PDB file of N, CA and C in Angstrom:
ATOM      1  N   MET A   1     -25.537 -22.505  21.799  1.00  0.00           N
ATOM      2  CA  MET A   1     -26.444 -21.903  20.860  1.00  0.00           C
ATOM      3  C   MET A   1     -27.429 -21.006  21.602  1.00  0.00           C
ATOM      4  N   GLY A   2     -27.980 -20.057  20.889  1.00  0.00           N
ATOM      5  CA  GLY A   2     -28.901 -19.103  21.490  1.00  0.00           C
ATOM      6  C   GLY A   2     -30.309 -19.638  21.605  1.00  0.00           C
ATOM      7  N   GLU A   3     -31.219 -18.730  21.905  1.00  0.00           N
ATOM      8  CA  GLU A   3     -32.625 -19.084  22.047  1.00  0.00           C
ATOM      9  C   GLU A   3     -33.185 -19.575  20.719  1.00  0.00           C
ATOM     10  N   GLU A   4     -34.087 -20.516  20.812  1.00  0.00           N
ATOM     11  CA  GLU A   4     -34.762 -21.016  19.626  1.00  0.00           C
ATOM     12  C   GLU A   4     -35.884 -20.064  19.249  1.00  0.00           C
ATOM     13  N   ILE A   5     -36.156 -19.958  17.958  1.00  0.00           N
ATOM     14  CA  ILE A   5     -37.249 -19.106  17.491  1.00  0.00           C
ATOM     15  C   ILE A   5     -38.578 -19.666  17.975  1.00  0.00           C
ATOM     16  N   VAL A   6     -38.723 -20.986  17.862  1.00  0.00           N
ATOM     17  CA  VAL A   6     -39.920 -21.665  18.345  1.00  0.00           C
ATOM     18  C   VAL A   6     -39.472 -22.540  19.510  1.00  0.00           C
ATOM     19  N   ARG A   7     -39.935 -22.215  20.718  1.00  0.00           N
ATOM     20  CA  ARG A   7     -39.510 -22.969  21.906  1.00  0.00           C
ATOM     21  C   ARG A   7     -39.797 -24.454  21.733  1.00  0.00           C
ATOM     22  N   GLY A   8     -38.791 -25.251  22.081  1.00  0.00           N
ATOM     23  CA  GLY A   8     -38.945 -26.689  22.015  1.00  0.00           C
ATOM     24  C   GLY A   8     -38.671 -27.273  20.643  1.00  0.00           C
ATOM     25  N   SER A   9     -38.299 -26.454  19.697  1.00  0.00           N
ATOM     26  CA  SER A   9     -38.076 -26.950  18.345  1.00  0.00           C
ATOM     27  C   SER A   9     -36.636 -27.416  18.183  1.00  0.00           C
ATOM     28  N   THR A  10     -36.415 -28.681  18.468  1.00  0.00           N
ATOM     29  CA  THR A  10     -35.068 -29.228  18.313  1.00  0.00           C
ATOM     30  C   THR A  10     -34.691 -29.324  16.838  1.00  0.00           C
ATOM     31  N   ARG A  11     -35.680 -29.393  15.971  1.00  0.00           N
ATOM     32  CA  ARG A  11     -35.420 -29.431  14.532  1.00  0.00           C
ATOM     33  C   ARG A  11     -34.699 -28.167  14.087  1.00  0.00           C
ATOM     34  N   LEU A  12     -35.139 -27.002  14.577  1.00  0.00           N
ATOM     35  CA  LEU A  12     -34.490 -25.746  14.214  1.00  0.00           C
ATOM     36  C   LEU A  12     -33.062 -25.700  14.745  1.00  0.00           C
ATOM     37  N   ARG A  13     -32.875 -26.148  15.971  1.00  0.00           N
ATOM     38  CA  ARG A  13     -31.537 -26.153  16.572  1.00  0.00           C
ATOM     39  C   ARG A  13     -30.626 -27.089  15.781  1.00  0.00           C
ATOM     40  N   ALA A  14     -31.120 -28.270  15.416  1.00  0.00           N
ATOM     41  CA  ALA A  14     -30.325 -29.233  14.657  1.00  0.00           C
ATOM     42  C   ALA A  14     -29.983 -28.668  13.279  1.00  0.00           C
ATOM     43  N   GLY A  15     -30.910 -27.960  12.672  1.00  0.00           N
ATOM     44  CA  GLY A  15     -30.660 -27.354  11.363  1.00  0.00           C
ATOM     45  C   GLY A  15     -29.564 -26.307  11.435  1.00  0.00           C
ATOM     46  N   THR A  16     -29.560 -25.497  12.485  1.00  0.00           N
ATOM     47  CA  THR A  16     -28.531 -24.478  12.673  1.00  0.00           C
ATOM     48  C   THR A  16     -27.168 -25.122  12.868  1.00  0.00           C
ATOM     49  N   ALA A  17     -27.116 -26.167  13.668  1.00  0.00           N
ATOM     50  CA  ALA A  17     -25.847 -26.867  13.905  1.00  0.00           C
ATOM     51  C   ALA A  17     -25.341 -27.498  12.616  1.00  0.00           C
ATOM     52  N   THR A  18     -26.235 -28.091  11.842  1.00  0.00           N
ATOM     53  CA  THR A  18     -25.857 -28.703  10.572  1.00  0.00           C
ATOM     54  C   THR A  18     -25.306 -27.658   9.620  1.00  0.00           C
ATOM     55  N   LYS A  19     -25.955 -26.517   9.551  1.00  0.00           N
ATOM     56  CA  LYS A  19     -25.489 -25.439   8.672  1.00  0.00           C
ATOM     57  C   LYS A  19     -24.096 -24.971   9.083  1.00  0.00           C
ATOM     58  N   MET A  20     -23.850 -24.840  10.368  1.00  0.00           N
ATOM     59  CA  MET A  20     -22.534 -24.404  10.841  1.00  0.00           C
ATOM     60  C   MET A  20     -21.457 -25.416  10.455  1.00  0.00           C
ATOM     61  N   VAL A  21     -21.757 -26.690  10.595  1.00  0.00           N
ATOM     62  CA  VAL A  21     -20.793 -27.735  10.242  1.00  0.00           C
ATOM     63  C   VAL A  21     -20.518 -27.712   8.741  1.00  0.00           C
ATOM     64  N   LEU A  22     -21.568 -27.602   7.937  1.00  0.00           N
ATOM     65  CA  LEU A  22     -21.389 -27.572   6.484  1.00  0.00           C
ATOM     66  C   LEU A  22     -20.609 -26.336   6.034  1.00  0.00           C
ATOM     67  N   ASN A  23     -20.859 -25.191   6.651  1.00  0.00           N
ATOM     68  CA  ASN A  23     -20.092 -23.982   6.325  1.00  0.00           C
ATOM     69  C   ASN A  23     -18.619 -24.168   6.651  1.00  0.00           C
ATOM     70  N   THR A  24     -18.333 -24.785   7.790  1.00  0.00           N
ATOM     71  CA  THR A  24     -16.944 -25.038   8.186  1.00  0.00           C
ATOM     72  C   THR A  24     -16.273 -25.986   7.199  1.00  0.00           C
ATOM     73  N   LEU A  25     -16.957 -27.064   6.840  1.00  0.00           N
ATOM     74  CA  LEU A  25     -16.389 -28.023   5.893  1.00  0.00           C
ATOM     75  C   LEU A  25     -16.147 -27.400   4.524  1.00  0.00           C
ATOM     76  N   SER A  26     -17.105 -26.633   4.019  1.00  0.00           N
ATOM     77  CA  SER A  26     -16.932 -26.037   2.697  1.00  0.00           C
ATOM     78  C   SER A  26     -15.800 -25.006   2.706  1.00  0.00           C
ATOM     79  N   THR A  27     -15.627 -24.299   3.813  1.00  0.00           N
ATOM     80  CA  THR A  27     -14.522 -23.348   3.931  1.00  0.00           C
ATOM     81  C   THR A  27     -13.192 -24.086   3.906  1.00  0.00           C
ATOM     82  N   LEU A  28     -13.096 -25.180   4.636  1.00  0.00           N
ATOM     83  CA  LEU A  28     -11.865 -25.973   4.651  1.00  0.00           C
ATOM     84  C   LEU A  28     -11.538 -26.535   3.272  1.00  0.00           C
ATOM     85  N   VAL A  29     -12.563 -26.949   2.542  1.00  0.00           N
ATOM     86  CA  VAL A  29     -12.349 -27.455   1.185  1.00  0.00           C
ATOM     87  C   VAL A  29     -11.797 -26.346   0.291  1.00  0.00           C
ATOM     88  N   MET A  30     -12.347 -25.149   0.397  1.00  0.00           N
ATOM     89  CA  MET A  30     -11.868 -24.026  -0.416  1.00  0.00           C
ATOM     90  C   MET A  30     -10.403 -23.709  -0.109  1.00  0.00           C
ATOM     91  N   VAL A  31     -10.034 -23.772   1.155  1.00  0.00           N
ATOM     92  CA  VAL A  31      -8.641 -23.524   1.544  1.00  0.00           C
ATOM     93  C   VAL A  31      -7.749 -24.606   0.954  1.00  0.00           C
ATOM     94  N   ARG A  32      -8.153 -25.875   1.094  1.00  0.00           N
ATOM     95  CA  ARG A  32      -7.342 -26.999   0.590  1.00  0.00           C
ATOM     96  C   ARG A  32      -7.192 -26.961  -0.924  1.00  0.00           C
ATOM     97  N   LEU A  33      -8.195 -26.470  -1.629  1.00  0.00           N
ATOM     98  CA  LEU A  33      -8.140 -26.401  -3.087  1.00  0.00           C
ATOM     99  C   LEU A  33      -7.358 -25.190  -3.594  1.00  0.00           C
ATOM    100  N   GLY A  34      -6.912 -24.323  -2.684  1.00  0.00           N
ATOM    101  CA  GLY A  34      -6.132 -23.158  -3.097  1.00  0.00           C
ATOM    102  C   GLY A  34      -6.978 -22.013  -3.623  1.00  0.00           C
ATOM    103  N   LYS A  35      -8.221 -21.960  -3.226  1.00  0.00           N
ATOM    104  CA  LYS A  35      -9.111 -20.903  -3.702  1.00  0.00           C
ATOM    105  C   LYS A  35      -9.077 -19.666  -2.813  1.00  0.00           C
ATOM    106  N   THR A  36      -8.248 -19.720  -1.774  1.00  0.00           N
ATOM    107  CA  THR A  36      -8.128 -18.598  -0.852  1.00  0.00           C
ATOM    108  C   THR A  36      -6.680 -18.128  -0.783  1.00  0.00           C
ATOM    109  N   TYR A  37      -6.531 -16.892  -0.325  1.00  0.00           N
ATOM    110  CA  TYR A  37      -5.212 -16.341  -0.019  1.00  0.00           C
ATOM    111  C   TYR A  37      -5.400 -15.565   1.279  1.00  0.00           C
ATOM    112  N   GLY A  38      -4.822 -16.064   2.357  1.00  0.00           N
ATOM    113  CA  GLY A  38      -5.109 -15.482   3.660  1.00  0.00           C
ATOM    114  C   GLY A  38      -6.588 -15.662   3.949  1.00  0.00           C
ATOM    115  N   SER A  39      -7.253 -14.592   4.271  1.00  0.00           N
ATOM    116  CA  SER A  39      -8.687 -14.676   4.556  1.00  0.00           C
ATOM    117  C   SER A  39      -9.533 -14.253   3.355  1.00  0.00           C
ATOM    118  N   LEU A  40      -8.913 -14.144   2.188  1.00  0.00           N
ATOM    119  CA  LEU A  40      -9.619 -13.697   0.986  1.00  0.00           C
ATOM    120  C   LEU A  40      -9.969 -14.866   0.071  1.00  0.00           C
ATOM    121  N   MET A  41     -11.171 -14.887  -0.444  1.00  0.00           N
ATOM    122  CA  MET A  41     -11.561 -15.836  -1.483  1.00  0.00           C
ATOM    123  C   MET A  41     -11.106 -15.230  -2.807  1.00  0.00           C
ATOM    124  N   VAL A  42      -9.995 -15.742  -3.353  1.00  0.00           N
ATOM    125  CA  VAL A  42      -9.375 -15.103  -4.517  1.00  0.00           C
ATOM    126  C   VAL A  42      -9.709 -15.767  -5.834  1.00  0.00           C
ATOM    127  N   ASP A  43     -10.253 -16.949  -5.804  1.00  0.00           N
ATOM    128  CA  ASP A  43     -10.568 -17.637  -7.057  1.00  0.00           C
ATOM    129  C   ASP A  43     -11.943 -17.182  -7.534  1.00  0.00           C
ATOM    130  N   VAL A  44     -12.024 -15.897  -7.845  1.00  0.00           N
ATOM    131  CA  VAL A  44     -13.285 -15.265  -8.218  1.00  0.00           C
ATOM    132  C   VAL A  44     -13.232 -14.861  -9.683  1.00  0.00           C
ATOM    133  N   GLN A  45     -14.226 -15.288 -10.442  1.00  0.00           N
ATOM    134  CA  GLN A  45     -14.398 -14.854 -11.822  1.00  0.00           C
ATOM    135  C   GLN A  45     -15.558 -13.863 -11.799  1.00  0.00           C
ATOM    136  N   ALA A  46     -15.236 -12.576 -11.927  1.00  0.00           N
ATOM    137  CA  ALA A  46     -16.238 -11.521 -11.784  1.00  0.00           C
ATOM    138  C   ALA A  46     -17.056 -11.396 -13.070  1.00  0.00           C
ATOM    139  N   THR A  47     -18.291 -11.854 -13.020  1.00  0.00           N
ATOM    140  CA  THR A  47     -19.138 -11.873 -14.216  1.00  0.00           C
ATOM    141  C   THR A  47     -20.263 -10.846 -14.186  1.00  0.00           C
ATOM    142  N   ASN A  48     -20.375 -10.088 -13.095  1.00  0.00           N
ATOM    143  CA  ASN A  48     -21.391  -9.030 -13.040  1.00  0.00           C
ATOM    144  C   ASN A  48     -20.832  -7.873 -12.204  1.00  0.00           C
ATOM    145  N   ASP A  49     -21.562  -6.783 -12.124  1.00  0.00           N
ATOM    146  CA  ASP A  49     -21.066  -5.589 -11.424  1.00  0.00           C
ATOM    147  C   ASP A  49     -20.763  -5.839  -9.949  1.00  0.00           C
ATOM    148  N   LYS A  50     -21.633  -6.577  -9.274  1.00  0.00           N
ATOM    149  CA  LYS A  50     -21.422  -6.859  -7.851  1.00  0.00           C
ATOM    150  C   LYS A  50     -20.116  -7.632  -7.650  1.00  0.00           C
ATOM    151  N   LEU A  51     -19.890  -8.666  -8.466  1.00  0.00           N
ATOM    152  CA  LEU A  51     -18.667  -9.455  -8.346  1.00  0.00           C
ATOM    153  C   LEU A  51     -17.444  -8.669  -8.790  1.00  0.00           C
ATOM    154  N   ARG A  52     -17.607  -7.746  -9.729  1.00  0.00           N
ATOM    155  CA  ARG A  52     -16.472  -6.910 -10.148  1.00  0.00           C
ATOM    156  C   ARG A  52     -16.036  -5.982  -9.030  1.00  0.00           C
ATOM    157  N   GLN A  53     -16.987  -5.409  -8.316  1.00  0.00           N
ATOM    158  CA  GLN A  53     -16.643  -4.570  -7.168  1.00  0.00           C
ATOM    159  C   GLN A  53     -15.930  -5.395  -6.094  1.00  0.00           C
ATOM    160  N   ARG A  54     -16.418  -6.612  -5.871  1.00  0.00           N
ATOM    161  CA  ARG A  54     -15.790  -7.497  -4.893  1.00  0.00           C
ATOM    162  C   ARG A  54     -14.366  -7.839  -5.342  1.00  0.00           C
ATOM    163  N   ALA A  55     -14.189  -8.122  -6.629  1.00  0.00           N
ATOM    164  CA  ALA A  55     -12.858  -8.459  -7.143  1.00  0.00           C
ATOM    165  C   ALA A  55     -11.897  -7.288  -6.982  1.00  0.00           C
ATOM    166  N   VAL A  56     -12.372  -6.074  -7.215  1.00  0.00           N
ATOM    167  CA  VAL A  56     -11.527  -4.885  -7.023  1.00  0.00           C
ATOM    168  C   VAL A  56     -11.089  -4.804  -5.563  1.00  0.00           C
ATOM    169  N   ARG A  57     -12.012  -5.003  -4.628  1.00  0.00           N
ATOM    170  CA  ARG A  57     -11.663  -4.976  -3.199  1.00  0.00           C
ATOM    171  C   ARG A  57     -10.660  -6.074  -2.848  1.00  0.00           C
ATOM    172  N   ILE A  58     -10.849  -7.249  -3.412  1.00  0.00           N
ATOM    173  CA  ILE A  58      -9.939  -8.362  -3.131  1.00  0.00           C
ATOM    174  C   ILE A  58      -8.534  -8.032  -3.625  1.00  0.00           C
ATOM    175  N   VAL A  59      -8.430  -7.530  -4.846  1.00  0.00           N
ATOM    176  CA  VAL A  59      -7.114  -7.216  -5.413  1.00  0.00           C
ATOM    177  C   VAL A  59      -6.449  -6.079  -4.642  1.00  0.00           C
ATOM    178  N   THR A  60      -7.192  -5.044  -4.291  1.00  0.00           N
ATOM    179  CA  THR A  60      -6.581  -3.947  -3.532  1.00  0.00           C
ATOM    180  C   THR A  60      -6.124  -4.422  -2.160  1.00  0.00           C
ATOM    181  N   THR A  61      -6.916  -5.263  -1.516  1.00  0.00           N
ATOM    182  CA  THR A  61      -6.544  -5.778  -0.194  1.00  0.00           C
ATOM    183  C   THR A  61      -5.310  -6.672  -0.274  1.00  0.00           C
ATOM    184  N   ALA A  62      -5.266  -7.545  -1.260  1.00  0.00           N
ATOM    185  CA  ALA A  62      -4.173  -8.510  -1.368  1.00  0.00           C
ATOM    186  C   ALA A  62      -2.867  -7.870  -1.812  1.00  0.00           C
ATOM    187  N   THR A  63      -2.945  -6.808  -2.611  1.00  0.00           N
ATOM    188  CA  THR A  63      -1.725  -6.253  -3.215  1.00  0.00           C
ATOM    189  C   THR A  63      -1.350  -4.868  -2.716  1.00  0.00           C
ATOM    190  N   GLY A  64      -2.305  -4.146  -2.155  1.00  0.00           N
ATOM    191  CA  GLY A  64      -2.043  -2.765  -1.774  1.00  0.00           C
ATOM    192  C   GLY A  64      -2.177  -1.803  -2.940  1.00  0.00           C
ATOM    193  N   ALA A  65      -2.558  -2.312  -4.102  1.00  0.00           N
ATOM    194  CA  ALA A  65      -2.746  -1.457  -5.279  1.00  0.00           C
ATOM    195  C   ALA A  65      -3.955  -0.550  -5.070  1.00  0.00           C
ATOM    196  N   ASP A  66      -3.954   0.586  -5.747  1.00  0.00           N
ATOM    197  CA  ASP A  66      -5.123   1.457  -5.663  1.00  0.00           C
ATOM    198  C   ASP A  66      -6.247   0.887  -6.530  1.00  0.00           C
ATOM    199  N   GLU A  67      -7.437   1.424  -6.342  1.00  0.00           N
ATOM    200  CA  GLU A  67      -8.620   0.900  -7.030  1.00  0.00           C
ATOM    201  C   GLU A  67      -8.496   0.986  -8.547  1.00  0.00           C
ATOM    202  N   ARG A  68      -7.959   2.075  -9.028  1.00  0.00           N
ATOM    203  CA  ARG A  68      -7.813   2.258 -10.475  1.00  0.00           C
ATOM    204  C   ARG A  68      -6.876   1.199 -11.070  1.00  0.00           C
ATOM    205  N   THR A  69      -5.760   0.962 -10.398  1.00  0.00           N
ATOM    206  CA  THR A  69      -4.810  -0.055 -10.854  1.00  0.00           C
ATOM    207  C   THR A  69      -5.444  -1.436 -10.791  1.00  0.00           C
ATOM    208  N   ALA A  70      -6.127  -1.723  -9.705  1.00  0.00           N
ATOM    209  CA  ALA A  70      -6.780  -3.022  -9.548  1.00  0.00           C
ATOM    210  C   ALA A  70      -7.780  -3.266 -10.674  1.00  0.00           C
ATOM    211  N   ARG A  71      -8.573  -2.275 -10.993  1.00  0.00           N
ATOM    212  CA  ARG A  71      -9.568  -2.408 -12.063  1.00  0.00           C
ATOM    213  C   ARG A  71      -8.891  -2.645 -13.417  1.00  0.00           C
ATOM    214  N   ARG A  72      -7.822  -1.906 -13.687  1.00  0.00           N
ATOM    215  CA  ARG A  72      -7.097  -2.051 -14.954  1.00  0.00           C
ATOM    216  C   ARG A  72      -6.509  -3.449 -15.085  1.00  0.00           C
ATOM    217  N   VAL A  73      -5.885  -3.931 -14.015  1.00  0.00           N
ATOM    218  CA  VAL A  73      -5.260  -5.256 -14.051  1.00  0.00           C
ATOM    219  C   VAL A  73      -6.332  -6.352 -14.133  1.00  0.00           C
ATOM    220  N   LEU A  74      -7.426  -6.177 -13.427  1.00  0.00           N
ATOM    221  CA  LEU A  74      -8.519  -7.151 -13.516  1.00  0.00           C
ATOM    222  C   LEU A  74      -9.061  -7.242 -14.940  1.00  0.00           C
ATOM    223  N   GLU A  75      -9.208  -6.116 -15.591  1.00  0.00           N
ATOM    224  CA  GLU A  75      -9.664  -6.144 -16.985  1.00  0.00           C
ATOM    225  C   GLU A  75      -8.687  -6.929 -17.848  1.00  0.00           C
ATOM    226  N   ALA A  76      -7.391  -6.700 -17.658  1.00  0.00           N
ATOM    227  CA  ALA A  76      -6.372  -7.424 -18.423  1.00  0.00           C
ATOM    228  C   ALA A  76      -6.354  -8.912 -18.076  1.00  0.00           C
ATOM    229  N   ALA A  77      -6.777  -9.246 -16.863  1.00  0.00           N
ATOM    230  CA  ALA A  77      -6.794 -10.639 -16.396  1.00  0.00           C
ATOM    231  C   ALA A  77      -8.114 -11.328 -16.716  1.00  0.00           C
ATOM    232  N   GLY A  78      -8.970 -10.682 -17.480  1.00  0.00           N
ATOM    233  CA  GLY A  78     -10.275 -11.270 -17.782  1.00  0.00           C
ATOM    234  C   GLY A  78     -11.171 -11.329 -16.568  1.00  0.00           C
ATOM    235  N   TRP A  79     -10.974 -10.397 -15.642  1.00  0.00           N
ATOM    236  CA  TRP A  79     -11.752 -10.280 -14.399  1.00  0.00           C
ATOM    237  C   TRP A  79     -11.605 -11.511 -13.506  1.00  0.00           C
ATOM    238  N   HIS A  80     -10.429 -12.139 -13.535  1.00  0.00           N
ATOM    239  CA  HIS A  80     -10.132 -13.252 -12.631  1.00  0.00           C
ATOM    240  C   HIS A  80      -9.199 -12.729 -11.550  1.00  0.00           C
ATOM    241  N   ALA A  81      -9.703 -12.665 -10.319  1.00  0.00           N
ATOM    242  CA  ALA A  81      -8.980 -12.007  -9.228  1.00  0.00           C
ATOM    243  C   ALA A  81      -7.635 -12.656  -8.922  1.00  0.00           C
ATOM    244  N   LYS A  82      -7.581 -13.975  -8.884  1.00  0.00           N
ATOM    245  CA  LYS A  82      -6.324 -14.654  -8.551  1.00  0.00           C
ATOM    246  C   LYS A  82      -5.245 -14.317  -9.572  1.00  0.00           C
ATOM    247  N   THR A  83      -5.595 -14.317 -10.835  1.00  0.00           N
ATOM    248  CA  THR A  83      -4.637 -13.972 -11.889  1.00  0.00           C
ATOM    249  C   THR A  83      -4.203 -12.523 -11.755  1.00  0.00           C
ATOM    250  N   ALA A  84      -5.134 -11.639 -11.476  1.00  0.00           N
ATOM    251  CA  ALA A  84      -4.811 -10.216 -11.334  1.00  0.00           C
ATOM    252  C   ALA A  84      -3.849  -9.981 -10.171  1.00  0.00           C
ATOM    253  N   ILE A  85      -4.056 -10.667  -9.065  1.00  0.00           N
ATOM    254  CA  ILE A  85      -3.161 -10.510  -7.913  1.00  0.00           C
ATOM    255  C   ILE A  85      -1.757 -10.964  -8.285  1.00  0.00           C
ATOM    256  N   ALA A  86      -1.656 -12.096  -8.973  1.00  0.00           N
ATOM    257  CA  ALA A  86      -0.342 -12.582  -9.406  1.00  0.00           C
ATOM    258  C   ALA A  86       0.305 -11.590 -10.379  1.00  0.00           C
ATOM    259  N   MET A  87      -0.487 -10.992 -11.258  1.00  0.00           N
ATOM    260  CA  MET A  87       0.045 -10.009 -12.209  1.00  0.00           C
ATOM    261  C   MET A  87       0.655  -8.819 -11.480  1.00  0.00           C
ATOM    262  N   VAL A  88      -0.048  -8.319 -10.462  1.00  0.00           N
ATOM    263  CA  VAL A  88       0.456  -7.174  -9.698  1.00  0.00           C
ATOM    264  C   VAL A  88       1.705  -7.575  -8.921  1.00  0.00           C
ATOM    265  N   ALA A  89       1.655  -8.718  -8.245  1.00  0.00           N
ATOM    266  CA  ALA A  89       2.774  -9.151  -7.402  1.00  0.00           C
ATOM    267  C   ALA A  89       4.034  -9.408  -8.214  1.00  0.00           C
ATOM    268  N   LEU A  90       3.855 -10.014  -9.381  1.00  0.00           N
ATOM    269  CA  LEU A  90       5.001 -10.369 -10.213  1.00  0.00           C
ATOM    270  C   LEU A  90       5.343  -9.296 -11.241  1.00  0.00           C
ATOM    271  N   ASP A  91       4.481  -8.275 -11.335  1.00  0.00           N
ATOM    272  CA  ASP A  91       4.639  -7.218 -12.340  1.00  0.00           C
ATOM    273  C   ASP A  91       4.798  -7.836 -13.727  1.00  0.00           C
ATOM    274  N   CYS A  92       3.770  -8.607 -14.122  1.00  0.00           N
ATOM    275  CA  CYS A  92       3.844  -9.346 -15.379  1.00  0.00           C
ATOM    276  C   CYS A  92       2.499  -9.322 -16.097  1.00  0.00           C
ATOM    277  N   ASP A  93       2.463  -9.938 -17.274  1.00  0.00           N
ATOM    278  CA  ASP A  93       1.219 -10.021 -18.037  1.00  0.00           C
ATOM    279  C   ASP A  93       0.403 -11.247 -17.611  1.00  0.00           C
ATOM    280  N   ARG A  94      -0.773 -11.367 -18.190  1.00  0.00           N
ATOM    281  CA  ARG A  94      -1.702 -12.438 -17.810  1.00  0.00           C
ATOM    282  C   ARG A  94      -1.114 -13.818 -18.057  1.00  0.00           C
ATOM    283  N   ASP A  95      -0.508 -14.029 -19.209  1.00  0.00           N
ATOM    284  CA  ASP A  95       0.024 -15.358 -19.523  1.00  0.00           C
ATOM    285  C   ASP A  95       1.135 -15.770 -18.564  1.00  0.00           C
ATOM    286  N   THR A  96       2.003 -14.831 -18.212  1.00  0.00           N
ATOM    287  CA  THR A  96       3.086 -15.125 -17.272  1.00  0.00           C
ATOM    288  C   THR A  96       2.519 -15.438 -15.891  1.00  0.00           C
ATOM    289  N   ALA A  97       1.512 -14.672 -15.478  1.00  0.00           N
ATOM    290  CA  ALA A  97       0.879 -14.911 -14.177  1.00  0.00           C
ATOM    291  C   ALA A  97       0.210 -16.272 -14.145  1.00  0.00           C
ATOM    292  N   ARG A  98      -0.493 -16.618 -15.217  1.00  0.00           N
ATOM    293  CA  ARG A  98      -1.152 -17.935 -15.274  1.00  0.00           C
ATOM    294  C   ARG A  98      -0.131 -19.061 -15.269  1.00  0.00           C
ATOM    295  N   ALA A  99       0.994 -18.866 -15.953  1.00  0.00           N
ATOM    296  CA  ALA A  99       2.056 -19.883 -15.948  1.00  0.00           C
ATOM    297  C   ALA A  99       2.633 -20.043 -14.545  1.00  0.00           C
ATOM    298  N   ALA A 100       2.821 -18.935 -13.849  1.00  0.00           N
ATOM    299  CA  ALA A 100       3.343 -18.995 -12.475  1.00  0.00           C
ATOM    300  C   ALA A 100       2.359 -19.710 -11.561  1.00  0.00           C
ATOM    301  N   LEU A 101       1.075 -19.431 -11.725  1.00  0.00           N
ATOM    302  CA  LEU A 101       0.055 -20.116 -10.926  1.00  0.00           C
ATOM    303  C   LEU A 101       0.028 -21.612 -11.252  1.00  0.00           C
ATOM    304  N   ALA A 102       0.117 -21.953 -12.529  1.00  0.00           N
ATOM    305  CA  ALA A 102       0.111 -23.368 -12.921  1.00  0.00           C
ATOM    306  C   ALA A 102       1.317 -24.092 -12.325  1.00  0.00           C
ATOM    307  N   ALA A 103       2.485 -23.441 -12.341  1.00  0.00           N
ATOM    308  CA  ALA A 103       3.693 -24.039 -11.780  1.00  0.00           C
ATOM    309  C   ALA A 103       3.578 -24.226 -10.268  1.00  0.00           C
ATOM    310  N   ALA A 104       2.726 -23.424  -9.632  1.00  0.00           N
ATOM    311  CA  ALA A 104       2.525 -23.496  -8.180  1.00  0.00           C
ATOM    312  C   ALA A 104       1.251 -24.267  -7.831  1.00  0.00           C
ATOM    313  N   SER A 105       0.805 -25.133  -8.737  1.00  0.00           N
ATOM    314  CA  SER A 105      -0.418 -25.920  -8.527  1.00  0.00           C
ATOM    315  C   SER A 105      -1.619 -25.036  -8.241  1.00  0.00           C
ATOM    316  N   ASP A 106      -1.659 -23.871  -8.874  1.00  0.00           N
ATOM    317  CA  ASP A 106      -2.760 -22.907  -8.769  1.00  0.00           C
ATOM    318  C   ASP A 106      -2.917 -22.347  -7.358  1.00  0.00           C
ATOM    319  N   ARG A 107      -1.849 -22.321  -6.592  1.00  0.00           N
ATOM    320  CA  ARG A 107      -1.873 -21.795  -5.221  1.00  0.00           C
ATOM    321  C   ARG A 107      -1.212 -20.422  -5.194  1.00  0.00           C
ATOM    322  N   LEU A 108      -2.025 -19.402  -5.005  1.00  0.00           N
ATOM    323  CA  LEU A 108      -1.533 -18.027  -5.005  1.00  0.00           C
ATOM    324  C   LEU A 108      -0.513 -17.801  -3.902  1.00  0.00           C
ATOM    325  N   GLY A 109      -0.700 -18.411  -2.764  1.00  0.00           N
ATOM    326  CA  GLY A 109       0.233 -18.258  -1.653  1.00  0.00           C
ATOM    327  C   GLY A 109       1.645 -18.655  -2.052  1.00  0.00           C
ATOM    328  N   SER A 110       1.781 -19.738  -2.807  1.00  0.00           N
ATOM    329  CA  SER A 110       3.101 -20.183  -3.263  1.00  0.00           C
ATOM    330  C   SER A 110       3.722 -19.183  -4.231  1.00  0.00           C
ATOM    331  N   VAL A 111       2.889 -18.610  -5.095  1.00  0.00           N
ATOM    332  CA  VAL A 111       3.392 -17.586  -6.029  1.00  0.00           C
ATOM    333  C   VAL A 111       3.851 -16.359  -5.262  1.00  0.00           C
ATOM    334  N   MET A 112       3.074 -15.955  -4.280  1.00  0.00           N
ATOM    335  CA  MET A 112       3.405 -14.759  -3.507  1.00  0.00           C
ATOM    336  C   MET A 112       4.662 -14.979  -2.644  1.00  0.00           C
ATOM    337  N   GLU A 113       4.822 -16.179  -2.097  1.00  0.00           N
ATOM    338  CA  GLU A 113       6.013 -16.472  -1.292  1.00  0.00           C
ATOM    339  C   GLU A 113       7.275 -16.437  -2.140  1.00  0.00           C
ATOM    340  N   GLY A 114       7.168 -16.911  -3.385  1.00  0.00           N
ATOM    341  CA  GLY A 114       8.316 -16.935  -4.277  1.00  0.00           C
ATOM    342  C   GLY A 114       8.690 -15.565  -4.807  1.00  0.00           C
ATOM    343  N   HIS A 115       7.791 -14.614  -4.606  1.00  0.00           N
ATOM    344  CA  HIS A 115       8.014 -13.244  -5.109  1.00  0.00           C
ATOM    345  C   HIS A 115       8.895 -12.470  -4.188  1.00  0.00           C
TER     346      HIS A 115
END
């Protein structure tokens, strides 16, 4: 670890270490729950402009689709990134994509591998 902000403050150092451990654990939980695809957090429900921009970036990165296509598919998917990615990959509608995800225990990686 680097220099402490307040010399001799082991409390600050312990807090930083605790935060790092908790971040690692929460990341592992997200991976185990199938909320990620590669290094992308794909289980995103975009409910505001900031999250919608993030969802567009996630879909374009995961699928190679252009921004316009990603936005159109996200709108059809109810702004749910994981569903939109499955829609693009499988070239299908929202209900078919959701059924494919349900059959794969909601794991996008399994849907993409089967494609």
